[in-house]
N, C-alpha and C. Protein backbone atom coordinates (compact mmCIF):
# COMPACT_ATOMS: atom_id res chain seq x y z
N ARG A 1 8.36 -2.88 1.82
CA ARG A 1 8.94 -3.71 0.79
C ARG A 1 9.25 -2.93 -0.46
N ASP A 2 8.58 -1.85 -0.68
CA ASP A 2 8.78 -1.06 -1.89
C ASP A 2 9.74 0.08 -1.60
N PRO A 3 10.96 0.07 -2.18
CA PRO A 3 11.92 1.12 -1.88
C PRO A 3 11.47 2.51 -2.27
N ARG A 4 10.47 2.64 -3.16
CA ARG A 4 9.96 3.96 -3.51
C ARG A 4 9.31 4.61 -2.31
N HIS A 5 8.74 3.81 -1.41
CA HIS A 5 8.03 4.35 -0.27
C HIS A 5 8.82 4.25 1.02
N SER A 6 9.80 3.38 1.09
CA SER A 6 10.48 3.19 2.36
C SER A 6 12.00 3.15 2.26
N GLY A 7 12.54 3.51 1.11
CA GLY A 7 13.99 3.64 0.97
C GLY A 7 14.77 2.44 1.49
N PRO A 8 15.80 2.69 2.27
CA PRO A 8 16.66 1.59 2.74
C PRO A 8 15.98 0.67 3.73
N TYR A 9 14.77 1.04 4.21
CA TYR A 9 14.07 0.22 5.17
C TYR A 9 13.21 -0.86 4.50
N ALA A 10 13.13 -0.85 3.18
CA ALA A 10 12.29 -1.80 2.44
C ALA A 10 12.64 -3.24 2.77
N GLN A 11 13.90 -3.51 3.00
CA GLN A 11 14.32 -4.89 3.27
C GLN A 11 13.66 -5.49 4.50
N PHE A 12 13.12 -4.66 5.40
CA PHE A 12 12.49 -5.16 6.61
C PHE A 12 11.01 -5.45 6.44
N GLY A 13 10.46 -5.20 5.25
CA GLY A 13 9.05 -5.48 4.99
C GLY A 13 8.15 -4.41 5.57
N HIS A 14 6.86 -4.72 5.65
CA HIS A 14 5.89 -3.74 6.12
C HIS A 14 4.98 -4.33 7.19
N THR A 15 5.48 -5.29 7.93
CA THR A 15 4.65 -5.93 8.94
C THR A 15 4.81 -5.32 10.32
N GLY A 16 5.73 -4.35 10.49
CA GLY A 16 5.90 -3.70 11.77
C GLY A 16 6.58 -4.56 12.81
N LYS A 17 7.41 -5.51 12.37
CA LYS A 17 8.14 -6.35 13.32
C LYS A 17 9.50 -5.73 13.59
N SER A 18 9.84 -5.65 14.86
CA SER A 18 11.04 -4.93 15.28
C SER A 18 12.32 -5.68 14.97
N GLN A 19 13.36 -4.91 14.69
CA GLN A 19 14.72 -5.43 14.48
C GLN A 19 15.62 -5.00 15.63
N THR A 20 15.04 -4.45 16.68
CA THR A 20 15.79 -3.87 17.77
C THR A 20 16.48 -4.91 18.65
N VAL A 21 17.49 -4.46 19.37
CA VAL A 21 18.15 -5.34 20.34
C VAL A 21 17.48 -5.20 21.71
N ASP A 22 16.49 -4.32 21.82
CA ASP A 22 15.77 -4.11 23.08
C ASP A 22 15.04 -5.41 23.45
N PRO A 23 15.41 -6.06 24.55
CA PRO A 23 14.81 -7.35 24.91
C PRO A 23 13.36 -7.25 25.37
N THR A 24 12.86 -6.04 25.62
CA THR A 24 11.48 -5.89 26.10
C THR A 24 10.47 -5.84 24.95
N ILE A 25 10.95 -5.78 23.71
CA ILE A 25 10.05 -5.70 22.56
C ILE A 25 9.96 -7.06 21.88
N ASN A 26 8.74 -7.56 21.73
CA ASN A 26 8.50 -8.84 21.08
C ASN A 26 8.78 -8.70 19.58
N LYS A 27 9.73 -9.46 19.07
CA LYS A 27 10.13 -9.35 17.66
C LYS A 27 9.23 -10.14 16.72
N ASP A 28 8.28 -10.90 17.26
CA ASP A 28 7.35 -11.67 16.44
C ASP A 28 5.97 -11.03 16.37
N GLU A 29 5.82 -9.84 16.94
CA GLU A 29 4.53 -9.18 17.00
C GLU A 29 4.56 -7.91 16.15
N SER A 30 3.53 -7.69 15.35
CA SER A 30 3.45 -6.49 14.52
C SER A 30 3.17 -5.25 15.35
N GLY A 31 3.51 -4.09 14.78
CA GLY A 31 3.16 -2.83 15.38
C GLY A 31 4.26 -2.14 16.15
N HIS A 32 5.50 -2.54 15.94
CA HIS A 32 6.62 -1.93 16.65
C HIS A 32 7.56 -1.25 15.67
N PRO A 33 8.31 -0.23 16.15
CA PRO A 33 9.30 0.38 15.27
C PRO A 33 10.43 -0.60 14.98
N LEU A 34 11.13 -0.38 13.87
CA LEU A 34 12.26 -1.25 13.54
C LEU A 34 13.29 -1.26 14.66
N LYS A 35 13.64 -0.08 15.12
CA LYS A 35 14.58 0.04 16.25
C LYS A 35 13.96 0.96 17.27
N HIS A 36 14.17 0.65 18.51
CA HIS A 36 13.62 1.44 19.59
C HIS A 36 14.64 2.49 19.99
N GLU A 37 14.69 3.58 19.21
CA GLU A 37 15.65 4.64 19.45
C GLU A 37 15.12 5.94 18.86
N PHE A 38 15.62 7.06 19.35
CA PHE A 38 15.22 8.35 18.80
C PHE A 38 15.94 8.61 17.49
N THR A 39 15.20 9.16 16.52
CA THR A 39 15.79 9.48 15.22
C THR A 39 14.92 10.52 14.53
N ARG A 40 15.51 11.23 13.58
CA ARG A 40 14.74 12.13 12.73
C ARG A 40 14.66 11.57 11.32
N ALA A 41 15.09 10.34 11.14
CA ALA A 41 15.15 9.72 9.82
C ALA A 41 14.19 8.54 9.75
N ILE A 42 12.92 8.79 9.97
CA ILE A 42 11.91 7.73 9.97
C ILE A 42 11.32 7.61 8.57
N PRO A 43 11.26 6.40 8.02
CA PRO A 43 10.65 6.24 6.69
C PRO A 43 9.15 6.46 6.77
N THR A 44 8.58 7.01 5.73
CA THR A 44 7.14 7.27 5.73
C THR A 44 6.34 5.98 5.86
N SER A 45 6.91 4.85 5.45
CA SER A 45 6.19 3.59 5.59
C SER A 45 5.92 3.26 7.05
N GLN A 46 6.79 3.70 7.94
CA GLN A 46 6.55 3.46 9.36
C GLN A 46 5.33 4.26 9.82
N CYS A 47 5.19 5.48 9.34
CA CYS A 47 4.02 6.30 9.69
C CYS A 47 2.73 5.61 9.22
N MET A 48 2.83 4.97 8.06
CA MET A 48 1.64 4.36 7.45
C MET A 48 1.13 3.15 8.22
N ILE A 49 1.91 2.59 9.12
CA ILE A 49 1.43 1.47 9.92
C ILE A 49 0.13 1.88 10.62
N CYS A 50 0.07 3.12 11.11
CA CYS A 50 -1.12 3.60 11.82
C CYS A 50 -1.84 4.74 11.11
N HIS A 51 -1.10 5.65 10.50
CA HIS A 51 -1.69 6.89 10.02
C HIS A 51 -2.15 6.82 8.57
N MET A 52 -3.09 5.93 8.29
CA MET A 52 -3.64 5.83 6.94
C MET A 52 -5.15 5.71 6.99
N HIS A 53 -5.74 6.17 8.07
CA HIS A 53 -7.16 5.95 8.27
C HIS A 53 -8.02 6.59 7.19
N GLN A 54 -8.90 5.79 6.61
CA GLN A 54 -9.87 6.33 5.68
C GLN A 54 -11.01 6.91 6.49
N PRO A 55 -11.83 7.80 6.05
CA PRO A 55 -11.81 8.34 4.70
C PRO A 55 -10.98 9.61 4.57
N ASN A 56 -10.23 9.99 5.61
CA ASN A 56 -9.55 11.29 5.55
C ASN A 56 -8.25 11.28 4.74
N SER A 57 -7.85 10.17 4.24
CA SER A 57 -6.68 10.01 3.37
C SER A 57 -5.35 10.15 4.08
N PHE A 58 -5.19 11.10 4.95
CA PHE A 58 -3.96 11.38 5.69
C PHE A 58 -2.74 11.27 4.78
N LEU A 59 -1.85 10.30 4.96
CA LEU A 59 -0.64 10.21 4.15
C LEU A 59 -0.88 9.60 2.77
N ASN A 60 -2.00 8.92 2.60
CA ASN A 60 -2.25 8.24 1.33
C ASN A 60 -2.16 9.15 0.12
N THR A 61 -2.67 10.35 0.25
CA THR A 61 -2.68 11.26 -0.89
C THR A 61 -1.28 11.66 -1.31
N TYR A 62 -0.35 11.71 -0.36
CA TYR A 62 1.04 12.02 -0.71
C TYR A 62 1.68 10.88 -1.50
N TYR A 63 1.22 9.69 -1.26
CA TYR A 63 1.72 8.52 -1.99
C TYR A 63 1.03 8.37 -3.34
N GLY A 64 -0.13 9.00 -3.50
CA GLY A 64 -0.90 8.85 -4.73
C GLY A 64 -1.90 7.70 -4.63
N TYR A 65 -2.38 7.43 -3.42
CA TYR A 65 -3.35 6.36 -3.22
C TYR A 65 -4.56 6.89 -2.47
N GLN A 66 -5.65 6.15 -2.57
CA GLN A 66 -6.85 6.44 -1.80
C GLN A 66 -7.50 5.12 -1.42
N MET A 67 -8.45 5.17 -0.51
CA MET A 67 -9.14 3.97 -0.08
C MET A 67 -9.80 3.30 -1.29
N TRP A 68 -9.65 1.99 -1.38
CA TRP A 68 -10.26 1.24 -2.48
C TRP A 68 -11.78 1.22 -2.30
N SER A 69 -12.52 1.31 -3.39
CA SER A 69 -13.98 1.43 -3.38
C SER A 69 -14.71 0.10 -3.19
N TYR A 70 -14.03 -1.01 -3.17
CA TYR A 70 -14.61 -2.36 -3.10
C TYR A 70 -15.32 -2.74 -4.39
N GLU A 71 -15.19 -1.92 -5.42
CA GLU A 71 -15.82 -2.21 -6.69
C GLU A 71 -14.82 -2.30 -7.83
N THR A 72 -13.90 -1.35 -7.93
CA THR A 72 -12.95 -1.31 -9.03
C THR A 72 -12.13 -2.60 -9.05
N ASP A 73 -12.19 -3.34 -10.15
CA ASP A 73 -11.52 -4.65 -10.28
C ASP A 73 -11.92 -5.60 -9.16
N GLY A 74 -13.13 -5.46 -8.66
CA GLY A 74 -13.63 -6.30 -7.57
C GLY A 74 -13.70 -7.77 -7.90
N ASP A 75 -13.79 -8.10 -9.19
CA ASP A 75 -13.85 -9.52 -9.57
C ASP A 75 -12.58 -10.28 -9.16
N LYS A 76 -11.49 -9.56 -8.94
CA LYS A 76 -10.23 -10.20 -8.50
C LYS A 76 -10.13 -10.26 -6.98
N MET A 77 -11.03 -9.58 -6.30
CA MET A 77 -10.92 -9.42 -4.86
C MET A 77 -11.97 -10.17 -4.05
N PHE A 78 -12.98 -10.68 -4.72
CA PHE A 78 -14.03 -11.45 -4.03
C PHE A 78 -14.08 -12.85 -4.63
N ALA A 79 -14.30 -13.85 -3.78
CA ALA A 79 -14.43 -15.23 -4.24
C ALA A 79 -15.76 -15.38 -4.99
N GLU A 80 -15.78 -16.25 -5.99
CA GLU A 80 -17.03 -16.49 -6.73
C GLU A 80 -18.08 -17.11 -5.82
N GLU A 81 -17.65 -18.01 -4.95
CA GLU A 81 -18.54 -18.65 -3.98
C GLU A 81 -18.11 -18.22 -2.59
N GLN A 82 -19.04 -17.69 -1.82
CA GLN A 82 -18.72 -17.27 -0.46
C GLN A 82 -18.63 -18.48 0.47
N GLU A 83 -17.60 -18.47 1.32
CA GLU A 83 -17.43 -19.54 2.30
C GLU A 83 -18.04 -19.11 3.63
N GLU A 84 -18.61 -20.08 4.35
CA GLU A 84 -19.08 -19.81 5.70
C GLU A 84 -17.86 -19.75 6.60
N LYS A 85 -17.75 -18.73 7.40
CA LYS A 85 -16.63 -18.58 8.32
C LYS A 85 -17.09 -18.88 9.74
N SER A 86 -16.20 -19.49 10.51
CA SER A 86 -16.51 -19.75 11.92
C SER A 86 -16.52 -18.42 12.67
N ILE A 87 -17.06 -18.44 13.87
CA ILE A 87 -17.08 -17.24 14.70
C ILE A 87 -15.65 -16.76 14.96
N LYS A 88 -14.72 -17.68 15.21
CA LYS A 88 -13.32 -17.29 15.45
C LYS A 88 -12.72 -16.65 14.20
N GLU A 89 -12.97 -17.20 13.01
CA GLU A 89 -12.45 -16.61 11.77
C GLU A 89 -13.02 -15.20 11.58
N GLN A 90 -14.32 -15.05 11.82
CA GLN A 90 -14.94 -13.73 11.70
C GLN A 90 -14.32 -12.74 12.68
N PHE A 91 -14.12 -13.18 13.92
CA PHE A 91 -13.52 -12.31 14.93
C PHE A 91 -12.11 -11.89 14.53
N ASP A 92 -11.31 -12.86 14.06
CA ASP A 92 -9.93 -12.55 13.67
C ASP A 92 -9.89 -11.52 12.56
N ILE A 93 -10.80 -11.63 11.59
CA ILE A 93 -10.85 -10.65 10.50
C ILE A 93 -11.31 -9.30 11.02
N LEU A 94 -12.37 -9.28 11.82
CA LEU A 94 -12.89 -8.02 12.35
C LEU A 94 -11.92 -7.35 13.31
N ASP A 95 -11.09 -8.13 13.97
CA ASP A 95 -10.11 -7.58 14.88
C ASP A 95 -9.07 -6.76 14.12
N ARG A 96 -8.78 -7.15 12.88
CA ARG A 96 -7.85 -6.41 12.02
C ARG A 96 -8.55 -5.34 11.22
N ASN A 97 -9.74 -5.66 10.72
CA ASN A 97 -10.44 -4.79 9.78
C ASN A 97 -11.93 -4.79 10.13
N PRO A 98 -12.43 -3.74 10.76
CA PRO A 98 -13.81 -3.74 11.25
C PRO A 98 -14.90 -3.51 10.19
N GLU A 99 -14.52 -3.28 8.94
CA GLU A 99 -15.57 -3.05 7.94
C GLU A 99 -16.08 -4.39 7.39
N GLY A 100 -17.34 -4.44 7.06
CA GLY A 100 -18.01 -5.68 6.72
C GLY A 100 -17.52 -6.41 5.47
N ALA A 101 -17.04 -5.66 4.49
CA ALA A 101 -16.62 -6.31 3.23
C ALA A 101 -15.46 -7.27 3.43
N ALA A 102 -14.64 -7.05 4.44
CA ALA A 102 -13.50 -7.94 4.70
C ALA A 102 -13.95 -9.35 5.04
N GLN A 103 -15.17 -9.49 5.55
CA GLN A 103 -15.71 -10.82 5.84
C GLN A 103 -15.94 -11.61 4.56
N ARG A 104 -16.26 -10.91 3.48
CA ARG A 104 -16.58 -11.56 2.21
C ARG A 104 -15.44 -11.52 1.20
N GLY A 105 -14.54 -10.54 1.34
CA GLY A 105 -13.46 -10.39 0.38
C GLY A 105 -12.29 -11.32 0.66
N LYS A 106 -11.51 -11.57 -0.37
CA LYS A 106 -10.33 -12.42 -0.24
C LYS A 106 -9.31 -11.83 0.73
N TRP A 107 -9.31 -10.50 0.89
CA TRP A 107 -8.33 -9.86 1.75
C TRP A 107 -8.58 -10.11 3.24
N GLY A 108 -9.66 -10.78 3.59
CA GLY A 108 -9.85 -11.23 4.97
C GLY A 108 -8.81 -12.28 5.34
N ASP A 109 -8.26 -12.95 4.34
CA ASP A 109 -7.18 -13.92 4.53
C ASP A 109 -5.86 -13.15 4.53
N ARG A 110 -5.15 -13.19 5.64
CA ARG A 110 -3.94 -12.39 5.81
C ARG A 110 -2.89 -12.71 4.73
N SER A 111 -2.77 -13.98 4.32
CA SER A 111 -1.76 -14.31 3.31
C SER A 111 -2.11 -13.68 1.96
N PHE A 112 -3.39 -13.60 1.61
CA PHE A 112 -3.80 -12.92 0.39
C PHE A 112 -3.50 -11.43 0.52
N LEU A 113 -3.86 -10.86 1.65
CA LEU A 113 -3.64 -9.43 1.89
C LEU A 113 -2.17 -9.07 1.78
N ASP A 114 -1.30 -9.88 2.37
CA ASP A 114 0.13 -9.59 2.35
C ASP A 114 0.71 -9.59 0.94
N GLY A 115 0.10 -10.32 0.01
CA GLY A 115 0.62 -10.38 -1.35
C GLY A 115 -0.22 -9.65 -2.38
N VAL A 116 -1.18 -8.83 -1.94
CA VAL A 116 -2.14 -8.24 -2.87
C VAL A 116 -1.46 -7.42 -3.96
N ALA A 117 -0.47 -6.60 -3.63
CA ALA A 117 0.17 -5.78 -4.67
C ALA A 117 1.00 -6.65 -5.60
N ALA A 118 1.79 -7.54 -5.05
CA ALA A 118 2.70 -8.35 -5.87
C ALA A 118 1.95 -9.38 -6.71
N GLU A 119 0.90 -9.96 -6.16
CA GLU A 119 0.22 -11.05 -6.86
C GLU A 119 -0.99 -10.62 -7.68
N VAL A 120 -1.69 -9.58 -7.25
CA VAL A 120 -2.96 -9.21 -7.90
C VAL A 120 -2.79 -8.10 -8.93
N ASN A 121 -1.89 -7.14 -8.68
CA ASN A 121 -1.77 -5.98 -9.57
C ASN A 121 -1.57 -6.36 -11.04
N LYS A 122 -0.81 -7.39 -11.29
CA LYS A 122 -0.51 -7.76 -12.69
C LYS A 122 -1.78 -8.17 -13.46
N ASP A 123 -2.84 -8.54 -12.74
CA ASP A 123 -4.07 -8.98 -13.39
C ASP A 123 -5.17 -7.92 -13.40
N LEU A 124 -4.89 -6.74 -12.85
CA LEU A 124 -5.93 -5.71 -12.75
C LEU A 124 -6.04 -4.91 -14.05
N GLU A 125 -7.25 -4.53 -14.36
CA GLU A 125 -7.52 -3.79 -15.59
C GLU A 125 -7.67 -2.29 -15.35
N HIS A 126 -8.18 -1.91 -14.18
CA HIS A 126 -8.56 -0.52 -13.95
C HIS A 126 -7.74 0.23 -12.91
N THR A 127 -7.00 -0.47 -12.05
CA THR A 127 -6.25 0.21 -11.00
C THR A 127 -5.05 -0.63 -10.58
N GLN A 128 -4.31 -0.13 -9.62
CA GLN A 128 -3.20 -0.85 -9.00
C GLN A 128 -3.33 -0.64 -7.50
N PHE A 129 -3.03 -1.69 -6.74
CA PHE A 129 -3.14 -1.62 -5.28
C PHE A 129 -1.81 -1.29 -4.64
N ALA A 130 -1.88 -0.62 -3.50
CA ALA A 130 -0.68 -0.25 -2.75
C ALA A 130 -0.05 -1.48 -2.10
N ASP A 131 1.22 -1.32 -1.75
CA ASP A 131 1.98 -2.39 -1.09
C ASP A 131 1.93 -2.21 0.43
N TYR A 132 0.91 -1.56 0.93
CA TYR A 132 0.69 -1.43 2.37
C TYR A 132 -0.81 -1.51 2.60
N HIS A 133 -1.20 -1.97 3.76
CA HIS A 133 -2.61 -2.20 4.01
C HIS A 133 -2.89 -2.30 5.51
N GLY A 134 -2.50 -1.27 6.25
CA GLY A 134 -2.75 -1.25 7.68
C GLY A 134 -4.21 -1.48 7.99
N HIS A 135 -4.47 -2.16 9.07
CA HIS A 135 -5.81 -2.52 9.52
C HIS A 135 -6.53 -3.42 8.51
N GLY A 136 -5.82 -3.94 7.54
CA GLY A 136 -6.45 -4.82 6.57
C GLY A 136 -7.17 -4.10 5.45
N TRP A 137 -7.03 -2.77 5.36
CA TRP A 137 -7.68 -2.02 4.30
C TRP A 137 -6.84 -2.08 3.03
N ILE A 138 -7.49 -1.91 1.90
CA ILE A 138 -6.82 -1.92 0.60
C ILE A 138 -6.85 -0.49 0.05
N PHE A 139 -5.73 -0.06 -0.49
CA PHE A 139 -5.62 1.27 -1.08
C PHE A 139 -5.29 1.14 -2.55
N ARG A 140 -5.91 1.98 -3.38
CA ARG A 140 -5.71 1.90 -4.83
C ARG A 140 -5.04 3.17 -5.34
N GLY A 141 -4.32 3.01 -6.44
CA GLY A 141 -3.62 4.13 -7.05
C GLY A 141 -4.57 5.15 -7.64
N VAL A 142 -4.16 6.41 -7.59
CA VAL A 142 -4.87 7.51 -8.24
C VAL A 142 -4.01 7.91 -9.42
N PHE A 143 -4.56 7.82 -10.62
CA PHE A 143 -3.79 8.10 -11.82
C PHE A 143 -4.28 9.36 -12.51
N LYS A 144 -3.36 10.03 -13.14
CA LYS A 144 -3.64 11.28 -13.84
C LYS A 144 -4.54 11.01 -15.04
N THR A 145 -5.61 11.80 -15.16
CA THR A 145 -6.52 11.69 -16.30
C THR A 145 -6.87 13.08 -16.79
N ASP A 146 -7.38 13.13 -18.02
CA ASP A 146 -7.88 14.42 -18.52
C ASP A 146 -9.36 14.54 -18.16
N ARG A 147 -9.99 15.62 -18.58
CA ARG A 147 -11.40 15.85 -18.23
C ARG A 147 -12.36 14.87 -18.90
N LYS A 148 -11.87 14.14 -19.88
CA LYS A 148 -12.70 13.13 -20.54
C LYS A 148 -12.50 11.74 -19.93
N GLY A 149 -11.59 11.64 -18.94
CA GLY A 149 -11.35 10.37 -18.29
C GLY A 149 -10.24 9.55 -18.91
N ASN A 150 -9.55 10.10 -19.89
CA ASN A 150 -8.44 9.38 -20.51
C ASN A 150 -7.26 9.31 -19.54
N LEU A 151 -6.64 8.15 -19.43
CA LEU A 151 -5.45 7.98 -18.63
C LEU A 151 -4.30 8.70 -19.30
N LEU A 152 -3.53 9.49 -18.52
CA LEU A 152 -2.43 10.27 -19.07
C LEU A 152 -1.10 9.80 -18.49
N ASP A 153 -0.05 9.93 -19.28
CA ASP A 153 1.30 9.64 -18.77
C ASP A 153 1.85 10.91 -18.12
N LYS A 154 3.10 10.85 -17.65
CA LYS A 154 3.69 11.99 -16.93
C LYS A 154 3.83 13.23 -17.80
N ASP A 155 3.82 13.06 -19.13
CA ASP A 155 3.94 14.20 -20.03
C ASP A 155 2.59 14.70 -20.52
N GLY A 156 1.51 14.12 -19.99
CA GLY A 156 0.17 14.55 -20.39
C GLY A 156 -0.35 13.89 -21.66
N GLU A 157 0.36 12.90 -22.17
CA GLU A 157 -0.07 12.19 -23.38
C GLU A 157 -1.05 11.08 -22.99
N VAL A 158 -2.06 10.87 -23.82
CA VAL A 158 -3.07 9.84 -23.56
C VAL A 158 -2.43 8.45 -23.67
N VAL A 159 -2.74 7.62 -22.68
CA VAL A 159 -2.30 6.23 -22.66
C VAL A 159 -3.48 5.37 -23.09
N ASP A 160 -3.26 4.47 -24.03
CA ASP A 160 -4.33 3.59 -24.51
C ASP A 160 -4.85 2.74 -23.35
N TYR A 161 -6.12 2.93 -23.03
CA TYR A 161 -6.71 2.22 -21.88
C TYR A 161 -6.71 0.71 -22.08
N ASP A 162 -6.71 0.26 -23.32
CA ASP A 162 -6.73 -1.18 -23.60
C ASP A 162 -5.33 -1.80 -23.64
N ASP A 163 -4.30 -0.99 -23.47
CA ASP A 163 -2.93 -1.50 -23.47
C ASP A 163 -2.71 -2.32 -22.20
N PRO A 164 -2.42 -3.62 -22.32
CA PRO A 164 -2.24 -4.45 -21.12
C PRO A 164 -1.03 -4.04 -20.28
N LYS A 165 -0.14 -3.22 -20.84
CA LYS A 165 1.05 -2.78 -20.11
C LYS A 165 0.92 -1.34 -19.62
N LYS A 166 -0.31 -0.81 -19.59
CA LYS A 166 -0.49 0.61 -19.26
C LYS A 166 -0.01 0.99 -17.86
N PHE A 167 0.05 0.03 -16.93
CA PHE A 167 0.48 0.34 -15.57
C PHE A 167 1.94 -0.01 -15.32
N GLU A 168 2.62 -0.61 -16.27
CA GLU A 168 4.01 -1.01 -16.05
C GLU A 168 4.88 0.20 -15.79
N GLY A 169 5.54 0.21 -14.64
CA GLY A 169 6.44 1.28 -14.28
C GLY A 169 5.77 2.59 -13.94
N VAL A 170 4.45 2.59 -13.81
CA VAL A 170 3.72 3.83 -13.53
C VAL A 170 3.60 4.03 -12.03
N MET A 171 3.90 5.24 -11.61
CA MET A 171 3.65 5.65 -10.22
C MET A 171 2.38 6.48 -10.22
N PRO A 172 1.50 6.32 -9.22
CA PRO A 172 0.31 7.17 -9.17
C PRO A 172 0.69 8.65 -9.18
N LYS A 173 -0.11 9.43 -9.90
CA LYS A 173 0.05 10.87 -10.02
C LYS A 173 1.42 11.27 -10.55
N LEU A 174 2.02 10.43 -11.35
CA LEU A 174 3.32 10.76 -11.92
C LEU A 174 3.18 12.04 -12.74
N GLY A 175 4.05 12.96 -12.51
CA GLY A 175 3.99 14.24 -13.20
C GLY A 175 3.39 15.33 -12.33
N SER A 176 2.58 14.96 -11.34
CA SER A 176 1.99 15.95 -10.45
C SER A 176 2.94 16.36 -9.34
N ALA A 177 3.80 15.45 -8.93
CA ALA A 177 4.77 15.70 -7.87
C ALA A 177 5.95 14.78 -8.10
N PRO A 178 7.11 15.10 -7.55
CA PRO A 178 8.24 14.19 -7.73
C PRO A 178 7.96 12.85 -7.05
N THR A 179 8.35 11.79 -7.68
CA THR A 179 8.18 10.47 -7.08
C THR A 179 9.30 10.23 -6.09
N ALA A 180 9.10 9.24 -5.24
CA ALA A 180 10.15 8.90 -4.29
C ALA A 180 11.41 8.45 -5.02
N LEU A 181 11.24 7.86 -6.20
CA LEU A 181 12.41 7.46 -6.97
C LEU A 181 13.24 8.67 -7.38
N GLU A 182 12.57 9.80 -7.61
CA GLU A 182 13.27 11.02 -7.96
C GLU A 182 13.88 11.70 -6.73
N VAL A 183 13.23 11.52 -5.57
CA VAL A 183 13.68 12.16 -4.34
C VAL A 183 14.77 11.35 -3.66
N TYR A 184 14.61 10.03 -3.63
CA TYR A 184 15.54 9.18 -2.88
C TYR A 184 16.77 8.84 -3.70
N ASP A 185 17.90 9.20 -3.17
CA ASP A 185 19.18 8.87 -3.78
C ASP A 185 20.04 8.28 -2.67
N PRO A 186 20.24 6.96 -2.65
CA PRO A 186 20.98 6.35 -1.55
C PRO A 186 22.41 6.87 -1.41
N ALA A 187 22.96 7.46 -2.46
CA ALA A 187 24.32 7.99 -2.39
C ALA A 187 24.35 9.39 -1.76
N ASN A 188 23.18 10.02 -1.64
CA ASN A 188 23.10 11.37 -1.12
C ASN A 188 22.53 11.34 0.30
N PRO A 189 23.33 11.62 1.35
CA PRO A 189 22.83 11.54 2.71
C PRO A 189 21.80 12.62 3.04
N ASN A 190 21.63 13.60 2.17
CA ASN A 190 20.65 14.66 2.40
C ASN A 190 19.41 14.51 1.52
N ALA A 191 19.17 13.32 1.00
CA ALA A 191 18.08 13.10 0.05
C ALA A 191 16.74 12.96 0.73
N GLY A 192 15.94 13.98 0.64
CA GLY A 192 14.53 13.94 1.05
C GLY A 192 14.29 13.30 2.40
N CYS A 193 13.10 12.74 2.56
CA CYS A 193 12.70 12.16 3.83
C CYS A 193 13.19 10.73 3.99
N PHE A 194 13.91 10.21 3.02
CA PHE A 194 14.35 8.82 3.06
C PHE A 194 15.79 8.69 3.54
N ARG A 195 16.29 9.70 4.24
CA ARG A 195 17.68 9.64 4.73
C ARG A 195 17.86 8.41 5.60
N PRO A 196 18.88 7.59 5.36
CA PRO A 196 19.11 6.44 6.23
C PRO A 196 19.68 6.86 7.56
């Protein structure tokens, strides 16, 4: 969904549902390529469907994200009162996400998980969540700081931590590497890994 990470493929979302004409592929089931064909122009978001396993980071570090700690801004991610879940509800959550916190966290609900970046990020004080969450895991942004822990902008200037707009338009690790916005140019057929 985020063109910074998936270029022209953003319009297809991040659920892994195929757009292919191949009649053997179920178009209502997650986990399939957009089109069933050979190509060298695969968006990195497709790789992230599977290759984001924590704790080794894999592709996450290239995006500027890491596994969420279950603590940072946790007040937005856990219900105040825990609900008892049926065995089927527990199984459905564990089938997607085998770690125990998903049983108690709001992200055990697939509809909450699907909107976590769009709906929750605006209310977070300490981090921002990624717009992908394979296996039901949550990934948080890694932001540039100085040795004293001050949040820095792309030019190395201190950002006021109490500024409610401190994350607006910020890409994780901005300034450390070019962002996808800098790499992806839809008018340039040779632009980075986001070639259509």
